[in-house]
């Protein structure tokens, strides 16, 4: 897939109870002629949200296009969960034309945007826009979420979250990252509540944002899909309380390509990859291996020290050679050492 044909991704953020799943159901039912995929990253309730959305699956967003990530913050499990999930969607017989990501209600959205700069996916997908949902009635009352006890319970249940971050800062980060803010449950807030909520959000926003009322998740999809914001390239305009913290920094990665001839012992190569990953803190190794005497190429996928390999298709007219992409943090990329480890 060329960089000119990136698949757009819409990130939907907002506190527990703000109506993210309801909005996504509406988008699934009104996809504007696009084939959708949905990725749900909801701590504790992933099965619930996933089941709700899968019950709405149809030809525009079949069940196999709905993925759940429940192993922790989506941006902290990039190598283990996020990238393989995106690659799995890309590998479908009919890849999606637009991907919608529902973040955890307590996730900070900016680190997720940084994850889109990972070498394995940055040329294939782009952040079309970030949509922040806020419960209009709750915001008007100054409490950010409709059920603060439920939000606190969600936070306490997830060990990966920073329990010291005040809810007000999470709310401000969600607003700061947004391209559009949707005031959900507008019918319950009434005009006065909507006006109060809009004033709160305008005071928190780092720049002028469209702020639109919404009831029952119903909004014209043309308003929130197709923004072409390329948010991953616009991070400076989306300030966060956590800017500069080492945690959640994902922008210091590098990849190299290692080419070998035909391999006589693929199991030995697998062992070298695993040992290299262990010794050098390599995040990912991905590529094809040309095995002597085998007409089919071997697909290798390694995440950390976990490696999967399978023969996937004949070489055909392709040049028979082993080609592996190695991804690691910048400081762990020793090009000569990696080549030596892999026998290049």
Protein backbone atom coordinates (compact mmCIF):
# COMPACT_ATOMS: atom_id res chain seq x y z
CA UNK A 1 0.00 0.00 0.00
CA UNK A 2 1.55 3.31 -1.00
CA UNK A 3 1.80 6.38 1.19
CA UNK A 4 -0.69 8.01 -1.19
CA UNK A 5 -3.33 5.47 -0.30
CA UNK A 6 -3.37 5.45 3.49
CA UNK A 7 -6.43 4.06 5.22
CA UNK A 8 -8.04 6.77 7.38
CA UNK A 9 -8.59 6.12 11.09
CA UNK A 10 -11.02 8.01 13.31
CA UNK A 11 -10.18 7.99 17.02
CA UNK A 12 -13.17 8.37 19.34
CA UNK A 13 -12.36 9.36 22.91
CA UNK A 14 -14.38 10.38 25.95
CA UNK A 15 -15.18 9.26 29.48
CA UNK A 16 -17.06 6.12 30.42
CA UNK A 17 -20.74 6.80 29.75
CA UNK A 18 -20.19 9.59 27.25
CA UNK A 19 -21.78 7.54 24.46
CA UNK A 20 -18.81 6.33 22.40
CA UNK A 21 -20.27 2.90 21.64
CA UNK A 22 -23.66 4.39 20.74
CA UNK A 23 -21.97 6.75 18.28
CA UNK A 24 -20.01 3.90 16.70
CA UNK A 25 -23.20 1.86 16.28
CA UNK A 26 -24.69 4.82 14.40
CA UNK A 27 -21.60 5.05 12.17
CA UNK A 28 -21.80 1.32 11.44
CA UNK A 29 -25.41 1.74 10.35
CA UNK A 30 -24.59 4.81 8.24
CA UNK A 31 -21.13 4.13 6.76
CA UNK A 32 -21.46 6.47 3.76
CA UNK A 33 -20.70 3.63 1.39
CA UNK A 34 -17.44 2.72 3.12
CA UNK A 35 -16.39 -0.68 4.42
CA UNK A 36 -15.64 -0.07 8.11
CA UNK A 37 -13.59 -1.77 10.79
CA UNK A 38 -13.79 -1.07 14.51
CA UNK A 39 -11.11 -1.50 17.20
CA UNK A 40 -12.35 -1.36 20.80
CA UNK A 41 -9.86 -0.68 23.64
CA UNK A 42 -12.05 -0.69 26.74
CA UNK A 43 -10.62 -1.92 30.04
CA UNK A 44 -12.80 -4.36 31.91
CA UNK A 45 -15.81 -3.93 29.61
CA UNK A 46 -14.16 -4.89 26.32
CA UNK A 47 -16.32 -7.98 25.99
CA UNK A 48 -19.44 -5.96 26.58
CA UNK A 49 -18.65 -3.25 24.05
CA UNK A 50 -17.39 -5.80 21.56
CA UNK A 51 -20.55 -7.87 21.85
CA UNK A 52 -22.73 -4.78 21.46
CA UNK A 53 -20.95 -3.75 18.28
CA UNK A 54 -20.78 -7.26 16.84
CA UNK A 55 -24.55 -7.51 17.27
CA UNK A 56 -24.75 -4.62 14.80
CA UNK A 57 -22.39 -6.18 12.26
CA UNK A 58 -23.50 -6.22 8.63
CA UNK A 59 -21.94 -6.34 5.18
CA UNK A 60 -20.47 -2.85 5.66
CA UNK A 61 -18.79 -3.85 8.92
CA UNK A 62 -18.78 -7.65 9.31
CA UNK A 63 -18.01 -9.27 12.66
CA UNK A 64 -14.46 -10.13 11.61
CA UNK A 65 -13.81 -6.39 11.18
CA UNK A 66 -14.54 -5.73 14.86
CA UNK A 67 -11.46 -6.21 17.05
CA UNK A 68 -11.11 -5.96 20.84
CA UNK A 69 -7.95 -4.98 22.71
CA UNK A 70 -8.24 -5.62 26.43
CA UNK A 71 -4.60 -6.05 27.48
CA UNK A 72 -4.02 -2.50 28.66
CA UNK A 73 -3.54 0.99 27.29
CA UNK A 74 -3.54 0.74 23.50
CA UNK A 75 -0.45 2.94 23.19
CA UNK A 76 1.52 0.88 25.74
CA UNK A 77 0.85 -2.42 23.97
CA UNK A 78 1.68 -1.19 20.47
CA UNK A 79 4.00 -4.02 19.50
CA UNK A 80 1.98 -6.77 21.17
CA UNK A 81 -1.55 -5.73 20.28
CA UNK A 82 -2.10 -2.60 18.24
CA UNK A 83 0.18 -3.17 15.25
CA UNK A 84 -0.73 -6.88 14.85
CA UNK A 85 -4.42 -5.91 15.01
CA UNK A 86 -4.02 -3.27 12.31
CA UNK A 87 -2.04 -5.73 10.19
CA UNK A 88 -4.73 -8.36 10.68
CA UNK A 89 -7.34 -5.92 9.41
CA UNK A 90 -5.14 -5.03 6.44
CA UNK A 91 -4.78 -8.72 5.60
CA UNK A 92 -8.51 -9.37 5.34
CA UNK A 93 -9.70 -10.47 1.88
CA UNK A 94 -11.53 -7.14 1.72
CA UNK A 95 -9.53 -4.67 3.82
CA UNK A 96 -11.48 -1.86 5.51
CA UNK A 97 -11.75 1.51 3.84
CA UNK A 98 -12.04 3.34 7.18
CA UNK A 99 -11.10 2.25 10.72
CA UNK A 100 -12.79 3.55 13.87
CA UNK A 101 -10.97 3.20 17.20
CA UNK A 102 -12.87 3.49 20.48
CA UNK A 103 -10.36 4.29 23.23
CA UNK A 104 -10.74 3.45 26.87
CA UNK A 105 -12.70 6.12 28.71
CA UNK A 106 -9.61 6.95 30.75
CA UNK A 107 -7.03 6.79 27.97
CA UNK A 108 -4.94 9.80 27.12
CA UNK A 109 -5.39 10.17 23.36
CA UNK A 110 -2.10 11.86 22.46
CA UNK A 111 0.10 8.80 23.13
CA UNK A 112 -2.15 6.83 20.80
CA UNK A 113 -1.55 9.40 18.07
CA UNK A 114 2.19 8.94 18.56
CA UNK A 115 1.75 5.22 18.01
CA UNK A 116 0.70 5.95 14.44
CA UNK A 117 4.29 7.00 13.73
CA UNK A 118 5.52 3.44 14.25
CA UNK A 119 7.50 2.29 11.19
CA UNK A 120 5.33 -0.80 10.66
CA UNK A 121 2.15 1.20 10.06
CA UNK A 122 2.92 4.87 9.43
CA UNK A 123 2.93 4.46 5.65
CA UNK A 124 -0.34 2.52 5.69
CA UNK A 125 -2.76 4.43 7.93
CA UNK A 126 -3.40 8.03 8.96
CA UNK A 127 -5.47 9.63 11.70
CA UNK A 128 -8.38 11.15 9.81
CA UNK A 129 -9.55 12.89 12.98
CA UNK A 130 -9.97 12.72 16.75
CA UNK A 131 -13.55 12.99 18.01
CA UNK A 132 -14.01 13.74 21.73
CA UNK A 133 -17.35 12.98 23.33
CA UNK A 134 -18.47 14.81 26.45
CA UNK A 135 -21.69 14.27 28.38
CA UNK A 136 -23.33 17.69 28.06
CA UNK A 137 -25.29 17.46 31.30
CA UNK A 138 -22.30 16.25 33.31
CA UNK A 139 -19.92 18.88 31.91
CA UNK A 140 -22.45 21.63 32.60
CA UNK A 141 -22.39 20.48 36.24
CA UNK A 142 -18.59 20.50 36.28
CA UNK A 143 -18.14 16.76 36.84
CA UNK A 144 -16.95 15.64 33.34
CA UNK A 145 -18.69 12.23 33.41
CA UNK A 146 -22.25 11.13 34.19
CA UNK A 147 -21.18 8.61 36.86
CA UNK A 148 -17.96 9.59 38.60
CA UNK A 149 -18.08 6.55 40.87
CA UNK A 150 -18.11 4.26 37.84
CA UNK A 151 -15.19 6.15 36.30
CA UNK A 152 -13.17 5.84 39.51
CA UNK A 153 -14.00 2.13 39.71
CA UNK A 154 -12.80 1.69 36.14
CA UNK A 155 -9.58 3.48 36.93
CA UNK A 156 -8.95 1.43 40.09
CA UNK A 157 -9.50 -1.81 38.16
CA UNK A 158 -6.78 -1.10 35.61
CA UNK A 159 -3.22 -1.27 36.93
CA UNK A 160 -1.70 0.31 33.81
CA UNK A 161 -3.42 3.65 34.33
CA UNK A 162 -1.85 6.56 36.16
CA UNK A 163 -4.10 6.78 39.19
CA UNK A 164 -2.56 10.10 40.16
CA UNK A 165 -3.85 11.91 37.08
CA UNK A 166 -6.85 14.04 38.10
CA UNK A 167 -9.95 13.42 36.04
CA UNK A 168 -9.91 17.09 35.08
CA UNK A 169 -6.54 16.60 33.37
CA UNK A 170 -7.76 13.52 31.49
CA UNK A 171 -10.75 15.55 30.31
CA UNK A 172 -8.54 18.45 29.25
CA UNK A 173 -6.20 16.11 27.35
CA UNK A 174 -9.15 14.58 25.51
CA UNK A 175 -10.38 18.03 24.49
CA UNK A 176 -6.90 19.26 23.56
CA UNK A 177 -6.38 16.35 21.17
CA UNK A 178 -9.75 16.68 19.47
CA UNK A 179 -10.65 17.95 16.03
CA UNK A 180 -14.36 17.99 16.91
CA UNK A 181 -16.15 17.80 20.28
CA UNK A 182 -19.58 16.19 20.42
CA UNK A 183 -21.84 17.08 23.37
CA UNK A 184 -23.74 13.85 23.93
CA UNK A 185 -27.16 13.45 25.56
CA UNK A 186 -28.05 16.94 24.46
CA UNK A 187 -31.74 16.22 24.97
CA UNK A 188 -31.16 15.71 28.70
CA UNK A 189 -29.01 18.83 29.09
CA UNK A 190 -31.40 21.22 27.38
CA UNK A 191 -30.32 24.47 25.74
CA UNK A 192 -29.04 25.98 28.98
CA UNK A 193 -26.95 22.91 29.78
CA UNK A 194 -25.53 22.80 26.27
CA UNK A 195 -24.51 26.45 26.51
CA UNK A 196 -22.80 25.86 29.87
CA UNK A 197 -20.99 22.75 28.59
CA UNK A 198 -19.87 24.58 25.47
CA UNK A 199 -18.45 27.40 27.60
CA UNK A 200 -16.49 24.92 29.75
CA UNK A 201 -15.01 23.23 26.71
CA UNK A 202 -14.16 26.49 24.96
CA UNK A 203 -12.27 27.55 28.08
CA UNK A 204 -10.25 24.32 28.09
CA UNK A 205 -9.57 24.00 24.35
CA UNK A 206 -6.14 25.16 23.13
CA UNK A 207 -7.67 26.33 19.85
CA UNK A 208 -11.12 26.96 18.41
CA UNK A 209 -12.97 23.68 17.93
CA UNK A 210 -16.34 22.78 16.46
CA UNK A 211 -18.60 21.82 19.39
CA UNK A 212 -21.79 20.06 18.30
CA UNK A 213 -24.75 18.73 20.32
CA UNK A 214 -25.74 15.11 19.77
CA UNK A 215 -28.53 12.85 21.04
CA UNK A 216 -28.57 9.02 20.96
CA UNK A 217 -25.32 8.97 19.00
CA UNK A 218 -26.99 10.45 15.93
CA UNK A 219 -24.79 12.80 13.92
CA UNK A 220 -24.31 13.10 10.17
CA UNK A 221 -21.24 10.88 9.47
CA UNK A 222 -20.10 13.39 6.86
CA UNK A 223 -19.40 15.80 9.72
CA UNK A 224 -16.94 13.54 11.53
CA UNK A 225 -15.54 11.21 8.83
CA UNK A 226 -13.27 12.43 6.06
CA UNK A 227 -11.63 15.25 8.06
CA UNK A 228 -8.18 14.41 6.65
CA UNK A 229 -6.60 15.93 9.76
CA UNK A 230 -3.43 13.75 9.63
CA UNK A 231 -3.38 14.22 13.40
CA UNK A 232 -0.19 12.16 13.78
CA UNK A 233 1.65 15.00 11.97
CA UNK A 234 -0.04 17.72 14.05
CA UNK A 235 0.95 16.77 17.59
CA UNK A 236 2.34 20.16 18.59
CA UNK A 237 -1.11 21.70 18.18
CA UNK A 238 -2.51 19.11 20.63
CA UNK A 239 -0.89 19.85 24.01
CA UNK A 240 -1.08 17.36 26.86
CA UNK A 241 -0.44 17.55 30.59
CA UNK A 242 1.90 14.61 30.02
CA UNK A 243 4.04 16.16 27.28
CA UNK A 244 7.70 15.45 27.96
CA UNK A 245 7.06 12.47 30.23
CA UNK A 246 9.08 9.44 29.20
CA UNK A 247 6.06 7.20 29.70
CA UNK A 248 3.99 6.97 26.54
CA UNK A 249 6.75 8.32 24.29
CA UNK A 250 6.65 6.28 21.08
CA UNK A 251 8.40 8.57 18.64
CA UNK A 252 11.99 7.38 19.02
CA UNK A 253 11.95 4.17 17.01
CA UNK A 254 13.99 3.02 14.06
CA UNK A 255 13.83 0.16 11.61
CA UNK A 256 16.46 -1.50 9.44
CA UNK A 257 16.23 -4.11 6.71
CA UNK A 258 18.44 -7.20 6.80
CA UNK A 259 18.80 -9.20 3.57
CA UNK A 260 20.16 -12.75 3.42
CA UNK A 261 20.43 -15.39 0.76
CA UNK A 262 18.58 -18.69 0.92
CA UNK A 263 18.51 -20.30 4.37
CA UNK A 264 19.24 -24.00 4.85
CA UNK A 265 18.07 -24.22 8.47
CA UNK A 266 15.06 -21.97 9.19
CA UNK A 267 14.78 -23.21 12.79
CA UNK A 268 18.29 -21.97 13.47
CA UNK A 269 17.35 -18.57 12.02
CA UNK A 270 14.27 -18.48 14.25
CA UNK A 271 16.49 -19.13 17.27
CA UNK A 272 18.86 -16.34 16.25
CA UNK A 273 15.93 -13.92 15.89
CA UNK A 274 14.61 -14.80 19.35
CA UNK A 275 18.05 -14.52 20.96
CA UNK A 276 18.66 -11.17 19.23
CA UNK A 277 15.30 -9.86 20.45
CA UNK A 278 16.17 -10.88 23.99
CA UNK A 279 19.68 -9.45 23.96
CA UNK A 280 18.94 -6.20 22.15
CA UNK A 281 15.35 -5.44 23.25
CA UNK A 282 14.11 -5.72 19.69
CA UNK A 283 10.40 -4.94 19.40
CA UNK A 284 9.49 -6.52 16.09
CA UNK A 285 10.96 -8.62 13.30
CA UNK A 286 8.90 -9.21 10.21
CA UNK A 287 9.64 -10.49 6.74
CA UNK A 288 10.08 -13.40 4.37
CA UNK A 289 12.60 -16.22 4.43
CA UNK A 290 13.79 -18.13 1.36
CA UNK A 291 14.30 -21.72 2.51
CA UNK A 292 16.51 -23.98 0.38
CA UNK A 293 14.51 -26.56 -1.54
CA UNK A 294 11.13 -25.00 -0.68
CA UNK A 295 9.01 -23.46 -3.47
CA UNK A 296 7.01 -21.37 -1.00
CA UNK A 297 8.24 -18.37 0.95
CA UNK A 298 8.21 -18.45 4.76
CA UNK A 299 6.45 -15.56 6.49
CA UNK A 300 8.10 -14.67 9.82
CA UNK A 301 6.44 -12.46 12.43
CA UNK A 302 8.15 -11.82 15.77
CA UNK A 303 6.90 -9.60 18.58
CA UNK A 304 9.61 -9.40 21.20
CA UNK A 305 10.67 -13.00 21.85
CA UNK A 306 7.43 -14.51 20.46
CA UNK A 307 7.86 -15.75 16.91
CA UNK A 308 5.41 -17.20 14.41
CA UNK A 309 6.41 -18.63 11.04
CA UNK A 310 4.46 -20.22 8.21
CA UNK A 311 4.77 -20.88 4.50
CA UNK A 312 2.27 -18.50 2.97
CA UNK A 313 2.57 -18.58 -0.83
CA UNK A 314 4.85 -19.56 -3.75
CA UNK A 315 7.67 -17.19 -4.66
CA UNK A 316 6.40 -16.97 -8.22
CA UNK A 317 8.38 -14.33 -10.11
CA UNK A 318 9.74 -12.75 -6.91
CA UNK A 319 13.46 -12.91 -6.31
CA UNK A 320 14.19 -15.69 -3.83
CA UNK A 321 15.94 -13.96 -0.97
CA UNK A 322 15.44 -13.52 2.75
CA UNK A 323 14.39 -10.02 3.77
CA UNK A 324 13.67 -9.10 7.40
CA UNK A 325 12.59 -5.75 8.88
CA UNK A 326 13.86 -5.15 12.43
CA UNK A 327 12.22 -2.48 14.62
CA UNK A 328 13.56 -1.22 17.95
CA UNK A 329 14.03 1.90 19.99
CA UNK A 330 16.67 4.11 18.42
CA UNK A 331 19.26 3.39 21.10
CA UNK A 332 18.91 -0.36 20.58
CA UNK A 333 19.56 -0.31 16.83
CA UNK A 334 23.13 -1.51 16.22
CA UNK A 335 23.06 -2.16 12.50
CA UNK A 336 26.31 -4.10 12.31
CA UNK A 337 25.51 -6.13 15.42
CA UNK A 338 22.02 -7.03 14.17
CA UNK A 339 23.39 -8.12 10.81
CA UNK A 340 25.97 -10.26 12.59
CA UNK A 341 23.32 -11.77 14.90
CA UNK A 342 21.25 -12.83 11.91
CA UNK A 343 24.20 -14.16 9.95
CA UNK A 344 24.20 -11.48 7.26
